[in-house]
């Protein structure tokens, strides 16, 4: 368990061990949320990535990509077209 002191401005320093475990870097934004009377915090980058992953789930298959090689081939083809 870690403890952080609240300053007169309402600020806290997140302990280094927790920042490392949560991959929190200088300039990152933190999301605070409440669930069933308990409060949690998350690195907003992690939350955004999860949202994008959830929204994109199954899209590769819908576009006809069967494996990672299909994606690489598609990207190479797109780059060739852009150079023209």
N, C-alpha and C. Protein backbone atom coordinates (compact mmCIF):
# COMPACT_ATOMS: atom_id res chain seq x y z
N UNK A 1 0.85 -1.17 0.00
CA UNK A 1 0.00 0.00 0.00
C UNK A 1 0.90 1.23 0.00
N UNK A 2 0.51 2.21 -0.79
CA UNK A 2 1.26 3.46 -0.89
C UNK A 2 0.38 4.60 -0.37
N UNK A 3 1.02 5.64 0.14
CA UNK A 3 0.30 6.80 0.65
C UNK A 3 0.84 8.05 -0.04
N UNK A 4 -0.06 8.95 -0.41
CA UNK A 4 0.34 10.22 -1.01
C UNK A 4 -0.33 11.34 -0.21
N UNK A 5 0.40 12.42 0.02
CA UNK A 5 -0.12 13.57 0.76
C UNK A 5 -0.72 14.57 -0.22
N UNK A 6 -1.87 15.13 0.12
CA UNK A 6 -2.55 16.12 -0.70
C UNK A 6 -2.02 17.50 -0.33
N UNK A 7 -1.61 18.28 -1.35
CA UNK A 7 -1.12 19.64 -1.10
C UNK A 7 -2.29 20.60 -0.95
N UNK A 8 -1.98 21.85 -0.61
CA UNK A 8 -3.03 22.86 -0.45
C UNK A 8 -3.75 23.13 -1.78
N UNK A 9 -3.09 22.79 -2.90
CA UNK A 9 -3.71 22.96 -4.22
C UNK A 9 -4.48 21.71 -4.66
N UNK A 10 -4.58 20.71 -3.80
CA UNK A 10 -5.30 19.49 -4.14
C UNK A 10 -4.48 18.53 -4.98
N UNK A 11 -3.16 18.71 -5.03
CA UNK A 11 -2.30 17.87 -5.84
C UNK A 11 -1.68 16.75 -5.00
N UNK A 12 -1.37 15.65 -5.67
CA UNK A 12 -0.65 14.55 -5.03
C UNK A 12 0.48 14.12 -5.96
N UNK A 13 1.46 13.46 -5.39
CA UNK A 13 2.50 12.84 -6.20
C UNK A 13 2.23 11.35 -6.19
N UNK A 14 2.05 10.78 -7.37
CA UNK A 14 1.83 9.33 -7.46
C UNK A 14 3.18 8.65 -7.23
N UNK A 15 3.26 7.74 -6.28
CA UNK A 15 4.54 7.10 -5.99
C UNK A 15 5.16 6.46 -7.23
N UNK A 16 6.48 6.51 -7.29
CA UNK A 16 7.22 6.04 -8.47
C UNK A 16 6.88 4.61 -8.84
N UNK A 17 6.80 3.73 -7.86
CA UNK A 17 6.50 2.32 -8.14
C UNK A 17 5.16 2.17 -8.86
N UNK A 18 4.17 2.94 -8.44
CA UNK A 18 2.85 2.88 -9.07
C UNK A 18 2.90 3.48 -10.47
N UNK A 19 3.62 4.62 -10.63
CA UNK A 19 3.77 5.22 -11.96
C UNK A 19 4.39 4.23 -12.94
N UNK A 20 5.38 3.50 -12.49
CA UNK A 20 6.03 2.52 -13.37
C UNK A 20 5.08 1.39 -13.72
N UNK A 21 4.38 0.87 -12.75
CA UNK A 21 3.45 -0.23 -13.00
C UNK A 21 2.31 0.18 -13.93
N UNK A 22 1.89 1.46 -13.84
CA UNK A 22 0.78 1.95 -14.67
C UNK A 22 1.28 2.60 -15.94
N UNK A 23 2.59 2.59 -16.15
CA UNK A 23 3.23 3.21 -17.32
C UNK A 23 2.81 4.67 -17.47
N UNK A 24 2.84 5.40 -16.35
CA UNK A 24 2.50 6.82 -16.34
C UNK A 24 3.79 7.62 -16.53
N UNK A 25 3.78 8.46 -17.55
CA UNK A 25 4.95 9.29 -17.87
C UNK A 25 4.58 10.77 -17.70
N UNK A 26 5.59 11.61 -17.66
CA UNK A 26 5.39 13.06 -17.55
C UNK A 26 4.46 13.53 -18.68
N UNK A 27 3.45 14.29 -18.32
CA UNK A 27 2.52 14.81 -19.30
C UNK A 27 1.30 13.93 -19.55
N UNK A 28 1.33 12.68 -19.09
CA UNK A 28 0.17 11.80 -19.26
C UNK A 28 -1.02 12.35 -18.48
N UNK A 29 -2.20 12.00 -18.93
CA UNK A 29 -3.42 12.37 -18.23
C UNK A 29 -3.97 11.15 -17.51
N UNK A 30 -4.56 11.41 -16.36
CA UNK A 30 -5.10 10.34 -15.52
C UNK A 30 -6.62 10.49 -15.47
N UNK A 31 -7.31 9.38 -15.60
CA UNK A 31 -8.77 9.35 -15.49
C UNK A 31 -9.14 8.83 -14.11
N UNK A 32 -10.02 9.55 -13.43
CA UNK A 32 -10.55 9.11 -12.14
C UNK A 32 -12.00 8.72 -12.36
N UNK A 33 -12.39 7.58 -11.82
CA UNK A 33 -13.79 7.18 -11.95
C UNK A 33 -14.25 6.45 -10.70
N UNK A 34 -15.55 6.48 -10.51
CA UNK A 34 -16.17 5.87 -9.34
C UNK A 34 -16.98 4.66 -9.78
N UNK A 35 -16.89 3.61 -9.01
CA UNK A 35 -17.66 2.40 -9.29
C UNK A 35 -18.06 1.77 -7.96
N UNK A 36 -19.36 1.72 -7.73
CA UNK A 36 -19.89 1.13 -6.49
C UNK A 36 -19.28 1.74 -5.24
N UNK A 37 -19.14 3.07 -5.24
CA UNK A 37 -18.63 3.76 -4.06
C UNK A 37 -17.12 3.73 -3.88
N UNK A 38 -16.41 3.12 -4.81
CA UNK A 38 -14.94 3.10 -4.75
C UNK A 38 -14.41 3.93 -5.90
N UNK A 39 -13.28 4.58 -5.67
CA UNK A 39 -12.69 5.43 -6.69
C UNK A 39 -11.42 4.80 -7.23
N UNK A 40 -11.26 4.92 -8.54
CA UNK A 40 -10.12 4.30 -9.24
C UNK A 40 -9.47 5.34 -10.14
N UNK A 41 -8.23 5.08 -10.51
CA UNK A 41 -7.56 5.93 -11.48
C UNK A 41 -6.91 5.05 -12.53
N UNK A 42 -6.86 5.58 -13.76
CA UNK A 42 -6.24 4.87 -14.87
C UNK A 42 -5.49 5.85 -15.74
N UNK A 43 -4.45 5.36 -16.38
CA UNK A 43 -3.73 6.14 -17.36
C UNK A 43 -4.65 6.31 -18.57
N UNK A 44 -4.92 7.55 -18.97
CA UNK A 44 -5.87 7.77 -20.06
C UNK A 44 -5.40 7.16 -21.37
N UNK A 45 -4.07 7.02 -21.56
CA UNK A 45 -3.57 6.37 -22.78
C UNK A 45 -4.03 4.93 -22.85
N UNK A 46 -4.00 4.24 -21.72
CA UNK A 46 -4.45 2.85 -21.68
C UNK A 46 -5.93 2.74 -21.97
N UNK A 47 -6.71 3.66 -21.43
CA UNK A 47 -8.15 3.65 -21.65
C UNK A 47 -8.45 3.89 -23.13
N UNK A 48 -7.78 4.88 -23.73
CA UNK A 48 -8.01 5.19 -25.15
C UNK A 48 -7.65 4.00 -26.03
N UNK A 49 -6.54 3.33 -25.72
CA UNK A 49 -6.12 2.17 -26.51
C UNK A 49 -7.16 1.05 -26.40
N UNK A 50 -7.66 0.79 -25.20
CA UNK A 50 -8.68 -0.25 -25.04
C UNK A 50 -9.95 0.07 -25.83
N UNK A 51 -10.35 1.33 -25.81
CA UNK A 51 -11.55 1.74 -26.55
C UNK A 51 -11.35 1.49 -28.04
N UNK A 52 -10.20 1.92 -28.55
CA UNK A 52 -9.92 1.73 -29.98
C UNK A 52 -9.88 0.25 -30.34
N UNK A 53 -9.22 -0.55 -29.50
CA UNK A 53 -9.15 -1.99 -29.76
C UNK A 53 -10.54 -2.60 -29.80
N UNK A 54 -11.39 -2.22 -28.86
CA UNK A 54 -12.75 -2.76 -28.83
C UNK A 54 -13.54 -2.35 -30.06
N UNK A 55 -13.40 -1.07 -30.47
CA UNK A 55 -14.14 -0.60 -31.63
C UNK A 55 -13.64 -1.21 -32.94
N UNK A 56 -12.37 -1.57 -32.99
CA UNK A 56 -11.78 -2.12 -34.21
C UNK A 56 -11.87 -3.66 -34.27
N UNK A 57 -12.32 -4.28 -33.21
CA UNK A 57 -12.39 -5.74 -33.16
C UNK A 57 -13.20 -6.26 -34.34
N UNK A 58 -12.62 -7.17 -35.10
CA UNK A 58 -13.30 -7.82 -36.21
C UNK A 58 -13.25 -7.06 -37.52
N UNK A 59 -12.74 -5.83 -37.52
CA UNK A 59 -12.72 -5.02 -38.74
C UNK A 59 -11.75 -5.58 -39.78
N UNK A 60 -10.63 -6.14 -39.35
CA UNK A 60 -9.66 -6.70 -40.30
C UNK A 60 -10.29 -7.86 -41.08
N UNK A 61 -11.02 -8.70 -40.37
CA UNK A 61 -11.67 -9.82 -41.02
C UNK A 61 -12.73 -9.33 -42.01
N UNK A 62 -13.48 -8.29 -41.61
CA UNK A 62 -14.50 -7.73 -42.50
C UNK A 62 -13.88 -7.16 -43.77
N UNK A 63 -12.65 -6.64 -43.65
CA UNK A 63 -11.96 -6.05 -44.80
C UNK A 63 -11.26 -7.11 -45.64
N UNK A 64 -11.32 -8.37 -45.22
CA UNK A 64 -10.74 -9.45 -46.00
C UNK A 64 -9.33 -9.85 -45.63
N UNK A 65 -8.79 -9.29 -44.57
CA UNK A 65 -7.45 -9.67 -44.12
C UNK A 65 -7.54 -10.98 -43.35
N UNK A 66 -6.74 -11.94 -43.77
CA UNK A 66 -6.77 -13.25 -43.12
C UNK A 66 -5.65 -13.43 -42.11
N UNK A 67 -4.53 -12.74 -42.32
CA UNK A 67 -3.39 -12.85 -41.41
C UNK A 67 -2.54 -11.58 -41.51
N UNK A 68 -1.54 -11.43 -40.63
CA UNK A 68 -0.70 -10.23 -40.64
C UNK A 68 -0.01 -9.98 -41.98
N UNK A 69 0.31 -11.03 -42.72
CA UNK A 69 0.95 -10.86 -44.03
C UNK A 69 0.05 -10.11 -45.00
N UNK A 70 -1.26 -10.34 -44.91
CA UNK A 70 -2.22 -9.61 -45.76
C UNK A 70 -2.16 -8.10 -45.46
N UNK A 71 -2.03 -7.76 -44.19
CA UNK A 71 -1.96 -6.35 -43.79
C UNK A 71 -0.68 -5.71 -44.33
N UNK A 72 0.45 -6.42 -44.19
CA UNK A 72 1.73 -5.90 -44.68
C UNK A 72 1.66 -5.68 -46.19
N UNK A 73 1.11 -6.63 -46.91
CA UNK A 73 0.98 -6.51 -48.36
C UNK A 73 0.11 -5.30 -48.72
N UNK A 74 -0.98 -5.12 -48.03
CA UNK A 74 -1.88 -4.00 -48.28
C UNK A 74 -1.16 -2.66 -48.07
N UNK A 75 -0.41 -2.55 -46.98
CA UNK A 75 0.32 -1.31 -46.69
C UNK A 75 1.36 -1.03 -47.76
N UNK A 76 2.08 -2.06 -48.19
CA UNK A 76 3.08 -1.88 -49.25
C UNK A 76 2.43 -1.41 -50.54
N UNK A 77 1.28 -2.00 -50.88
CA UNK A 77 0.55 -1.60 -52.09
C UNK A 77 0.10 -0.13 -51.98
N UNK A 78 -0.40 0.27 -50.83
CA UNK A 78 -0.85 1.65 -50.63
C UNK A 78 0.31 2.62 -50.76
N UNK A 79 1.46 2.27 -50.23
CA UNK A 79 2.64 3.15 -50.32
C UNK A 79 3.08 3.31 -51.78
N UNK A 80 3.02 2.22 -52.55
CA UNK A 80 3.39 2.29 -53.96
C UNK A 80 2.44 3.23 -54.69
N UNK A 81 1.15 3.14 -54.40
CA UNK A 81 0.16 4.00 -55.06
C UNK A 81 0.36 5.47 -54.71
N UNK A 82 0.75 5.75 -53.46
CA UNK A 82 0.95 7.13 -53.05
C UNK A 82 2.18 7.77 -53.71
N UNK A 83 3.18 6.97 -54.04
CA UNK A 83 4.40 7.48 -54.68
C UNK A 83 4.16 7.90 -56.12
N UNK A 84 3.13 7.37 -56.74
CA UNK A 84 2.86 7.66 -58.17
C UNK A 84 2.38 9.06 -58.37
